[in-house]
């Protein structure tokens, strides 16, 4: 959530407020049209959906980013170990 008292968010909103709204709308339409799509299988039908994309970037403070970085690194390592085992000696 954006905290209006945070200096990083104040700088962001200052930059964002000076952007051309028409260009932001054009970019959003472009992303809606050409974004990465994926299929869902629901109730016996395939439904095509676009990968959600927000034109306003998330601002994450250093403490929260570091926590996410550690968690994602841990999961990447676990996934790589699983795939290595799956496609090699099957030790586990």
PDB file of N, CA and C in Angstrom:
ATOM      1  N   UNK A   1       0.838  -1.173   0.000  1.00  0.00           N
ATOM      2  CA  UNK A   1       0.000   0.000   0.000  1.00  0.00           C
ATOM      3  C   UNK A   1       0.885   1.239   0.000  1.00  0.00           C
ATOM      4  N   UNK A   2       0.488   2.243  -0.744  1.00  0.00           N
ATOM      5  CA  UNK A   2       1.304   3.442  -0.845  1.00  0.00           C
ATOM      6  C   UNK A   2       1.075   4.353   0.345  1.00  0.00           C
ATOM      7  N   UNK A   3       2.160   4.678   1.031  1.00  0.00           N
ATOM      8  CA  UNK A   3       2.105   5.576   2.167  1.00  0.00           C
ATOM      9  C   UNK A   3       2.475   6.966   1.679  1.00  0.00           C
ATOM     10  N   UNK A   4       1.547   7.905   1.763  1.00  0.00           N
ATOM     11  CA  UNK A   4       1.784   9.241   1.204  1.00  0.00           C
ATOM     12  C   UNK A   4       2.884   9.997   1.943  1.00  0.00           C
ATOM     13  N   UNK A   5       3.278   9.539   3.138  1.00  0.00           N
ATOM     14  CA  UNK A   5       4.317  10.221   3.903  1.00  0.00           C
ATOM     15  C   UNK A   5       5.710   9.735   3.566  1.00  0.00           C
ATOM     16  N   UNK A   6       5.810   8.685   2.779  1.00  0.00           N
ATOM     17  CA  UNK A   6       7.086   8.109   2.388  1.00  0.00           C
ATOM     18  C   UNK A   6       7.691   8.965   1.282  1.00  0.00           C
ATOM     19  N   UNK A   7       8.970   9.307   1.392  1.00  0.00           N
ATOM     20  CA  UNK A   7       9.606  10.178   0.398  1.00  0.00           C
ATOM     21  C   UNK A   7       9.639   9.537  -0.989  1.00  0.00           C
ATOM     22  N   UNK A   8       9.815   8.213  -1.051  1.00  0.00           N
ATOM     23  CA  UNK A   8       9.840   7.541  -2.353  1.00  0.00           C
ATOM     24  C   UNK A   8       8.490   7.654  -3.048  1.00  0.00           C
ATOM     25  N   UNK A   9       7.410   7.501  -2.295  1.00  0.00           N
ATOM     26  CA  UNK A   9       6.088   7.609  -2.909  1.00  0.00           C
ATOM     27  C   UNK A   9       5.774   9.051  -3.285  1.00  0.00           C
ATOM     28  N   UNK A  10       6.249  10.000  -2.497  1.00  0.00           N
ATOM     29  CA  UNK A  10       6.040  11.410  -2.852  1.00  0.00           C
ATOM     30  C   UNK A  10       6.734  11.731  -4.172  1.00  0.00           C
ATOM     31  N   UNK A  11       7.945  11.247  -4.340  1.00  0.00           N
ATOM     32  CA  UNK A  11       8.680  11.470  -5.593  1.00  0.00           C
ATOM     33  C   UNK A  11       7.949  10.796  -6.743  1.00  0.00           C
ATOM     34  N   UNK A  12       7.492   9.554  -6.517  1.00  0.00           N
ATOM     35  CA  UNK A  12       6.765   8.848  -7.560  1.00  0.00           C
ATOM     36  C   UNK A  12       5.529   9.632  -7.987  1.00  0.00           C
ATOM     37  N   UNK A  13       4.704  10.039  -7.020  1.00  0.00           N
ATOM     38  CA  UNK A  13       3.463  10.742  -7.366  1.00  0.00           C
ATOM     39  C   UNK A  13       3.741  12.075  -8.050  1.00  0.00           C
ATOM     40  N   UNK A  14       4.843  12.719  -7.701  1.00  0.00           N
ATOM     41  CA  UNK A  14       5.214  13.966  -8.368  1.00  0.00           C
ATOM     42  C   UNK A  14       5.518  13.698  -9.847  1.00  0.00           C
ATOM     43  N   UNK A  15       6.268  12.653 -10.114  1.00  0.00           N
ATOM     44  CA  UNK A  15       6.589  12.287 -11.500  1.00  0.00           C
ATOM     45  C   UNK A  15       5.332  11.831 -12.223  1.00  0.00           C
ATOM     46  N   UNK A  16       4.543  10.973 -11.579  1.00  0.00           N
ATOM     47  CA  UNK A  16       3.343  10.426 -12.212  1.00  0.00           C
ATOM     48  C   UNK A  16       2.340  11.520 -12.544  1.00  0.00           C
ATOM     49  N   UNK A  17       2.170  12.476 -11.674  1.00  0.00           N
ATOM     50  CA  UNK A  17       1.181  13.531 -11.902  1.00  0.00           C
ATOM     51  C   UNK A  17       1.562  14.423 -13.082  1.00  0.00           C
ATOM     52  N   UNK A  18       2.830  14.416 -13.465  1.00  0.00           N
ATOM     53  CA  UNK A  18       3.275  15.224 -14.604  1.00  0.00           C
ATOM     54  C   UNK A  18       3.234  14.467 -15.926  1.00  0.00           C
ATOM     55  N   UNK A  19       2.773  13.215 -15.898  1.00  0.00           N
ATOM     56  CA  UNK A  19       2.713  12.414 -17.123  1.00  0.00           C
ATOM     57  C   UNK A  19       1.459  12.749 -17.922  1.00  0.00           C
ATOM     58  N   UNK A  20       1.559  12.578 -19.220  1.00  0.00           N
ATOM     59  CA  UNK A  20       0.445  12.816 -20.133  1.00  0.00           C
ATOM     60  C   UNK A  20      -0.577  11.688 -19.971  1.00  0.00           C
ATOM     61  N   UNK A  21      -1.766  12.018 -19.512  1.00  0.00           N
ATOM     62  CA  UNK A  21      -2.811  11.009 -19.268  1.00  0.00           C
ATOM     63  C   UNK A  21      -3.184  10.253 -20.544  1.00  0.00           C
ATOM     64  N   UNK A  22      -3.150  10.928 -21.672  1.00  0.00           N
ATOM     65  CA  UNK A  22      -3.487  10.263 -22.936  1.00  0.00           C
ATOM     66  C   UNK A  22      -2.473   9.162 -23.232  1.00  0.00           C
ATOM     67  N   UNK A  23      -1.205   9.435 -22.991  1.00  0.00           N
ATOM     68  CA  UNK A  23      -0.172   8.423 -23.231  1.00  0.00           C
ATOM     69  C   UNK A  23      -0.332   7.246 -22.265  1.00  0.00           C
ATOM     70  N   UNK A  24      -0.720   7.508 -21.035  1.00  0.00           N
ATOM     71  CA  UNK A  24      -0.950   6.435 -20.069  1.00  0.00           C
ATOM     72  C   UNK A  24      -2.108   5.573 -20.541  1.00  0.00           C
ATOM     73  N   UNK A  25      -3.196   6.202 -21.005  1.00  0.00           N
ATOM     74  CA  UNK A  25      -4.348   5.448 -21.512  1.00  0.00           C
ATOM     75  C   UNK A  25      -3.983   4.633 -22.750  1.00  0.00           C
ATOM     76  N   UNK A  26      -3.164   5.228 -23.644  1.00  0.00           N
ATOM     77  CA  UNK A  26      -2.726   4.509 -24.846  1.00  0.00           C
ATOM     78  C   UNK A  26      -1.884   3.294 -24.464  1.00  0.00           C
ATOM     79  N   UNK A  27      -1.007   3.473 -23.489  1.00  0.00           N
ATOM     80  CA  UNK A  27      -0.158   2.372 -23.045  1.00  0.00           C
ATOM     81  C   UNK A  27      -1.007   1.259 -22.439  1.00  0.00           C
ATOM     82  N   UNK A  28      -2.000   1.622 -21.630  1.00  0.00           N
ATOM     83  CA  UNK A  28      -2.892   0.618 -21.034  1.00  0.00           C
ATOM     84  C   UNK A  28      -3.641  -0.146 -22.119  1.00  0.00           C
ATOM     85  N   UNK A  29      -4.146   0.545 -23.131  1.00  0.00           N
ATOM     86  CA  UNK A  29      -4.850  -0.132 -24.228  1.00  0.00           C
ATOM     87  C   UNK A  29      -3.901  -1.068 -24.977  1.00  0.00           C
ATOM     88  N   UNK A  30      -2.668  -0.608 -25.198  1.00  0.00           N
ATOM     89  CA  UNK A  30      -1.667  -1.433 -25.866  1.00  0.00           C
ATOM     90  C   UNK A  30      -1.415  -2.712 -25.065  1.00  0.00           C
ATOM     91  N   UNK A  31      -1.226  -2.572 -23.755  1.00  0.00           N
ATOM     92  CA  UNK A  31      -0.958  -3.738 -22.910  1.00  0.00           C
ATOM     93  C   UNK A  31      -2.162  -4.675 -22.879  1.00  0.00           C
ATOM     94  N   UNK A  32      -3.364  -4.120 -22.867  1.00  0.00           N
ATOM     95  CA  UNK A  32      -4.557  -4.964 -22.893  1.00  0.00           C
ATOM     96  C   UNK A  32      -4.622  -5.784 -24.177  1.00  0.00           C
ATOM     97  N   UNK A  33      -4.173  -5.183 -25.269  1.00  0.00           N
ATOM     98  CA  UNK A  33      -4.240  -5.852 -26.570  1.00  0.00           C
ATOM     99  C   UNK A  33      -3.099  -6.853 -26.782  1.00  0.00           C
ATOM    100  N   UNK A  34      -1.888  -6.473 -26.358  1.00  0.00           N
ATOM    101  CA  UNK A  34      -0.711  -7.275 -26.679  1.00  0.00           C
ATOM    102  C   UNK A  34      -0.050  -7.928 -25.466  1.00  0.00           C
ATOM    103  N   UNK A  35      -0.722  -7.938 -24.340  1.00  0.00           N
ATOM    104  CA  UNK A  35      -0.129  -8.505 -23.127  1.00  0.00           C
ATOM    105  C   UNK A  35       0.023 -10.019 -23.254  1.00  0.00           C
ATOM    106  N   UNK A  36       0.775 -10.584 -22.351  1.00  0.00           N
ATOM    107  CA  UNK A  36       0.937 -12.029 -22.294  1.00  0.00           C
ATOM    108  C   UNK A  36      -0.405 -12.639 -21.900  1.00  0.00           C
ATOM    109  N   UNK A  37      -0.832 -13.625 -22.641  1.00  0.00           N
ATOM    110  CA  UNK A  37      -2.097 -14.293 -22.358  1.00  0.00           C
ATOM    111  C   UNK A  37      -1.856 -15.706 -21.858  1.00  0.00           C
ATOM    112  N   UNK A  38      -2.796 -16.216 -21.114  1.00  0.00           N
ATOM    113  CA  UNK A  38      -2.741 -17.597 -20.657  1.00  0.00           C
ATOM    114  C   UNK A  38      -4.157 -18.154 -20.683  1.00  0.00           C
ATOM    115  N   UNK A  39      -4.270 -19.468 -20.713  1.00  0.00           N
ATOM    116  CA  UNK A  39      -5.580 -20.118 -20.765  1.00  0.00           C
ATOM    117  C   UNK A  39      -5.933 -20.707 -19.410  1.00  0.00           C
ATOM    118  N   UNK A  40      -7.194 -20.579 -19.069  1.00  0.00           N
ATOM    119  CA  UNK A  40      -7.744 -21.223 -17.884  1.00  0.00           C
ATOM    120  C   UNK A  40      -8.735 -22.270 -18.341  1.00  0.00           C
ATOM    121  N   UNK A  41      -8.780 -23.364 -17.639  1.00  0.00           N
ATOM    122  CA  UNK A  41      -9.770 -24.382 -17.941  1.00  0.00           C
ATOM    123  C   UNK A  41     -10.798 -24.330 -16.820  1.00  0.00           C
ATOM    124  N   UNK A  42     -12.019 -23.944 -17.159  1.00  0.00           N
ATOM    125  CA  UNK A  42     -13.064 -23.789 -16.151  1.00  0.00           C
ATOM    126  C   UNK A  42     -14.388 -24.274 -16.707  1.00  0.00           C
ATOM    127  N   UNK A  43     -15.047 -25.121 -15.966  1.00  0.00           N
ATOM    128  CA  UNK A  43     -16.365 -25.650 -16.350  1.00  0.00           C
ATOM    129  C   UNK A  43     -16.356 -26.274 -17.748  1.00  0.00           C
ATOM    130  N   UNK A  44     -15.260 -26.962 -18.080  1.00  0.00           N
ATOM    131  CA  UNK A  44     -15.178 -27.638 -19.363  1.00  0.00           C
ATOM    132  C   UNK A  44     -14.815 -26.739 -20.532  1.00  0.00           C
ATOM    133  N   UNK A  45     -14.475 -25.493 -20.268  1.00  0.00           N
ATOM    134  CA  UNK A  45     -14.131 -24.550 -21.341  1.00  0.00           C
ATOM    135  C   UNK A  45     -12.777 -23.914 -21.075  1.00  0.00           C
ATOM    136  N   UNK A  46     -12.079 -23.595 -22.167  1.00  0.00           N
ATOM    137  CA  UNK A  46     -10.855 -22.831 -22.048  1.00  0.00           C
ATOM    138  C   UNK A  46     -11.209 -21.350 -22.144  1.00  0.00           C
ATOM    139  N   UNK A  47     -10.687 -20.581 -21.195  1.00  0.00           N
ATOM    140  CA  UNK A  47     -10.922 -19.142 -21.169  1.00  0.00           C
ATOM    141  C   UNK A  47      -9.563 -18.461 -21.303  1.00  0.00           C
ATOM    142  N   UNK A  48      -9.428 -17.575 -22.275  1.00  0.00           N
ATOM    143  CA  UNK A  48      -8.170 -16.857 -22.450  1.00  0.00           C
ATOM    144  C   UNK A  48      -8.194 -15.595 -21.603  1.00  0.00           C
ATOM    145  N   UNK A  49      -7.129 -15.403 -20.831  1.00  0.00           N
ATOM    146  CA  UNK A  49      -7.015 -14.234 -19.966  1.00  0.00           C
ATOM    147  C   UNK A  49      -5.667 -13.567 -20.211  1.00  0.00           C
ATOM    148  N   UNK A  50      -5.621 -12.277 -19.985  1.00  0.00           N
ATOM    149  CA  UNK A  50      -4.363 -11.542 -20.053  1.00  0.00           C
ATOM    150  C   UNK A  50      -3.711 -11.536 -18.677  1.00  0.00           C
ATOM    151  N   UNK A  51      -2.396 -11.601 -18.676  1.00  0.00           N
ATOM    152  CA  UNK A  51      -1.664 -11.488 -17.431  1.00  0.00           C
ATOM    153  C   UNK A  51      -1.928 -10.103 -16.864  1.00  0.00           C
ATOM    154  N   UNK A  52      -2.367 -10.008 -15.623  1.00  0.00           N
ATOM    155  CA  UNK A  52      -2.676  -8.688 -15.060  1.00  0.00           C
ATOM    156  C   UNK A  52      -1.453  -7.774 -15.103  1.00  0.00           C
ATOM    157  N   UNK A  53      -1.689  -6.548 -15.465  1.00  0.00           N
ATOM    158  CA  UNK A  53      -0.614  -5.564 -15.582  1.00  0.00           C
ATOM    159  C   UNK A  53      -1.132  -4.237 -15.067  1.00  0.00           C
ATOM    160  N   UNK A  54      -0.407  -3.635 -14.168  1.00  0.00           N
ATOM    161  CA  UNK A  54      -0.798  -2.351 -13.599  1.00  0.00           C
ATOM    162  C   UNK A  54       0.145  -1.284 -14.135  1.00  0.00           C
ATOM    163  N   UNK A  55      -0.395  -0.233 -14.736  1.00  0.00           N
ATOM    164  CA  UNK A  55       0.469   0.814 -15.294  1.00  0.00           C
ATOM    165  C   UNK A  55       1.139   1.620 -14.195  1.00  0.00           C
ATOM    166  N   UNK A  56       0.634   1.537 -12.980  1.00  0.00           N
ATOM    167  CA  UNK A  56       1.274   2.210 -11.851  1.00  0.00           C
ATOM    168  C   UNK A  56       2.119   1.176 -11.119  1.00  0.00           C
ATOM    169  N   UNK A  57       3.442   1.348 -11.126  1.00  0.00           N
ATOM    170  CA  UNK A  57       4.305   0.339 -10.498  1.00  0.00           C
ATOM    171  C   UNK A  57       4.129   0.301  -8.978  1.00  0.00           C
ATOM    172  N   UNK A  58       4.408  -0.837  -8.409  1.00  0.00           N
ATOM    173  CA  UNK A  58       4.360  -0.987  -6.948  1.00  0.00           C
ATOM    174  C   UNK A  58       5.643  -0.419  -6.358  1.00  0.00           C
ATOM    175  N   UNK A  59       5.492   0.304  -5.295  1.00  0.00           N
ATOM    176  CA  UNK A  59       6.665   0.828  -4.594  1.00  0.00           C
ATOM    177  C   UNK A  59       6.839  -0.021  -3.342  1.00  0.00           C
ATOM    178  N   UNK A  60       7.994  -0.675  -3.267  1.00  0.00           N
ATOM    179  CA  UNK A  60       8.272  -1.598  -2.165  1.00  0.00           C
ATOM    180  C   UNK A  60       9.498  -1.082  -1.428  1.00  0.00           C
ATOM    181  N   UNK A  61       9.365  -0.908  -0.110  1.00  0.00           N
ATOM    182  CA  UNK A  61      10.517  -0.409   0.637  1.00  0.00           C
ATOM    183  C   UNK A  61      11.576  -1.504   0.764  1.00  0.00           C
ATOM    184  N   UNK A  62      12.761  -1.106   1.145  1.00  0.00           N
ATOM    185  CA  UNK A  62      13.911  -2.008   1.185  1.00  0.00           C
ATOM    186  C   UNK A  62      13.677  -3.209   2.095  1.00  0.00           C
ATOM    187  N   UNK A  63      13.103  -2.980   3.260  1.00  0.00           N
ATOM    188  CA  UNK A  63      12.873  -4.075   4.210  1.00  0.00           C
ATOM    189  C   UNK A  63      11.944  -5.131   3.616  1.00  0.00           C
ATOM    190  N   UNK A  64      10.844  -4.694   3.014  1.00  0.00           N
ATOM    191  CA  UNK A  64       9.901  -5.637   2.415  1.00  0.00           C
ATOM    192  C   UNK A  64      10.522  -6.336   1.208  1.00  0.00           C
ATOM    193  N   UNK A  65      11.284  -5.585   0.387  1.00  0.00           N
ATOM    194  CA  UNK A  65      11.928  -6.165  -0.786  1.00  0.00           C
ATOM    195  C   UNK A  65      12.931  -7.241  -0.366  1.00  0.00           C
ATOM    196  N   UNK A  66      13.721  -6.964   0.669  1.00  0.00           N
ATOM    197  CA  UNK A  66      14.706  -7.946   1.134  1.00  0.00           C
ATOM    198  C   UNK A  66      14.028  -9.237   1.586  1.00  0.00           C
ATOM    199  N   UNK A  67      12.886  -9.118   2.278  1.00  0.00           N
ATOM    200  CA  UNK A  67      12.143 -10.296   2.723  1.00  0.00           C
ATOM    201  C   UNK A  67      11.635 -11.087   1.513  1.00  0.00           C
ATOM    202  N   UNK A  68      11.097 -10.387   0.527  1.00  0.00           N
ATOM    203  CA  UNK A  68      10.612 -11.057  -0.686  1.00  0.00           C
ATOM    204  C   UNK A  68      11.766 -11.719  -1.429  1.00  0.00           C
ATOM    205  N   UNK A  69      12.901 -11.036  -1.493  1.00  0.00           N
ATOM    206  CA  UNK A  69      14.073 -11.568  -2.180  1.00  0.00           C
ATOM    207  C   UNK A  69      14.536 -12.871  -1.541  1.00  0.00           C
ATOM    208  N   UNK A  70      14.595 -12.904  -0.215  1.00  0.00           N
ATOM    209  CA  UNK A  70      15.011 -14.137   0.471  1.00  0.00           C
ATOM    210  C   UNK A  70      14.023 -15.272   0.197  1.00  0.00           C
ATOM    211  N   UNK A  71      12.736 -14.982   0.269  1.00  0.00           N
ATOM    212  CA  UNK A  71      11.721 -16.012   0.036  1.00  0.00           C
ATOM    213  C   UNK A  71      11.742 -16.531  -1.389  1.00  0.00           C
ATOM    214  N   UNK A  72      11.853 -15.615  -2.359  1.00  0.00           N
ATOM    215  CA  UNK A  72      11.889 -16.045  -3.760  1.00  0.00           C
ATOM    216  C   UNK A  72      13.157 -16.835  -4.064  1.00  0.00           C
ATOM    217  N   UNK A  73      14.283 -16.399  -3.501  1.00  0.00           N
ATOM    218  CA  UNK A  73      15.544 -17.128  -3.711  1.00  0.00           C
ATOM    219  C   UNK A  73      15.441 -18.545  -3.156  1.00  0.00           C
ATOM    220  N   UNK A  74      14.831 -18.690  -1.986  1.00  0.00           N
ATOM    221  CA  UNK A  74      14.642 -20.004  -1.384  1.00  0.00           C
ATOM    222  C   UNK A  74      13.785 -20.897  -2.276  1.00  0.00           C
ATOM    223  N   UNK A  75      12.708 -20.349  -2.809  1.00  0.00           N
ATOM    224  CA  UNK A  75      11.807 -21.134  -3.658  1.00  0.00           C
ATOM    225  C   UNK A  75      12.458 -21.502  -4.989  1.00  0.00           C
ATOM    226  N   UNK A  76      13.250 -20.601  -5.541  1.00  0.00           N
ATOM    227  CA  UNK A  76      13.954 -20.890  -6.789  1.00  0.00           C
ATOM    228  C   UNK A  76      14.944 -22.029  -6.567  1.00  0.00           C
ATOM    229  N   UNK A  77      15.667 -21.958  -5.455  1.00  0.00           N
ATOM    230  CA  UNK A  77      16.634 -23.024  -5.150  1.00  0.00           C
ATOM    231  C   UNK A  77      15.916 -24.365  -5.002  1.00  0.00           C
ATOM    232  N   UNK A  78      14.795 -24.372  -4.274  1.00  0.00           N
ATOM    233  CA  UNK A  78      14.043 -25.621  -4.078  1.00  0.00           C
ATOM    234  C   UNK A  78      13.519 -26.159  -5.409  1.00  0.00           C
ATOM    235  N   UNK A  79      13.001 -25.295  -6.248  1.00  0.00           N
ATOM    236  CA  UNK A  79      12.483 -25.724  -7.548  1.00  0.00           C
ATOM    237  C   UNK A  79      13.603 -26.277  -8.422  1.00  0.00           C
ATOM    238  N   UNK A  80      14.751 -25.599  -8.424  1.00  0.00           N
ATOM    239  CA  UNK A  80      15.879 -26.091  -9.221  1.00  0.00           C
ATOM    240  C   UNK A  80      16.373 -27.439  -8.727  1.00  0.00           C
ATOM    241  N   UNK A  81      16.425 -27.633  -7.408  1.00  0.00           N
ATOM    242  CA  UNK A  81      16.823 -28.935  -6.869  1.00  0.00           C
ATOM    243  C   UNK A  81      15.821 -30.018  -7.254  1.00  0.00           C
ATOM    244  N   UNK A  82      14.545 -29.699  -7.199  1.00  0.00           N
ATOM    245  CA  UNK A  82      13.504 -30.651  -7.600  1.00  0.00           C
ATOM    246  C   UNK A  82      13.659 -31.035  -9.068  1.00  0.00           C
ATOM    247  N   UNK A  83      13.822 -30.036  -9.935  1.00  0.00           N
ATOM    248  CA  UNK A  83      13.955 -30.318 -11.373  1.00  0.00           C
ATOM    249  C   UNK A  83      15.229 -31.098 -11.674  1.00  0.00           C
ATOM    250  N   UNK A  84      16.322 -30.741 -10.992  1.00  0.00           N
ATOM    251  CA  UNK A  84      17.575 -31.480 -11.198  1.00  0.00           C
ATOM    252  C   UNK A  84      17.388 -32.940 -10.805  1.00  0.00           C
ATOM    253  N   UNK A  85      16.749 -33.179  -9.681  1.00  0.00           N
ATOM    254  CA  UNK A  85      16.513 -34.556  -9.234  1.00  0.00           C
ATOM    255  C   UNK A  85      15.577 -35.284 -10.189  1.00  0.00           C
ATOM    256  N   UNK A  86      14.557 -34.604 -10.641  1.00  0.00           N
ATOM    257  CA  UNK A  86      13.575 -35.202 -11.543  1.00  0.00           C
ATOM    258  C   UNK A  86      14.216 -35.660 -12.847  1.00  0.00           C
ATOM    259  N   UNK A  87      15.122 -34.857 -13.375  1.00  0.00           N
ATOM    260  CA  UNK A  87      15.717 -35.155 -14.678  1.00  0.00           C
ATOM    261  C   UNK A  87      17.088 -35.805 -14.613  1.00  0.00           C
ATOM    262  N   UNK A  88      17.574 -36.141 -13.401  1.00  0.00           N
ATOM    263  CA  UNK A  88      18.886 -36.814 -13.304  1.00  0.00           C
ATOM    264  C   UNK A  88      18.735 -38.100 -12.505  1.00  0.00           C
ATOM    265  N   UNK A  89      19.415 -38.186 -11.373  1.00  0.00           N
ATOM    266  CA  UNK A  89      19.541 -39.441 -10.637  1.00  0.00           C
ATOM    267  C   UNK A  89      18.340 -39.832  -9.789  1.00  0.00           C
ATOM    268  N   UNK A  90      17.401 -38.969  -9.595  1.00  0.00           N
ATOM    269  CA  UNK A  90      16.205 -39.232  -8.761  1.00  0.00           C
ATOM    270  C   UNK A  90      16.612 -39.725  -7.373  1.00  0.00           C
ATOM    271  N   UNK A  91      17.431 -38.925  -6.671  1.00  0.00           N
ATOM    272  CA  UNK A  91      17.924 -39.288  -5.340  1.00  0.00           C
ATOM    273  C   UNK A  91      16.847 -39.173  -4.268  1.00  0.00           C
ATOM    274  N   UNK A  92      15.923 -38.273  -4.450  1.00  0.00           N
ATOM    275  CA  UNK A  92      14.960 -38.012  -3.366  1.00  0.00           C
ATOM    276  C   UNK A  92      13.612 -38.576  -3.676  1.00  0.00           C
TER     277      UNK A  92
END
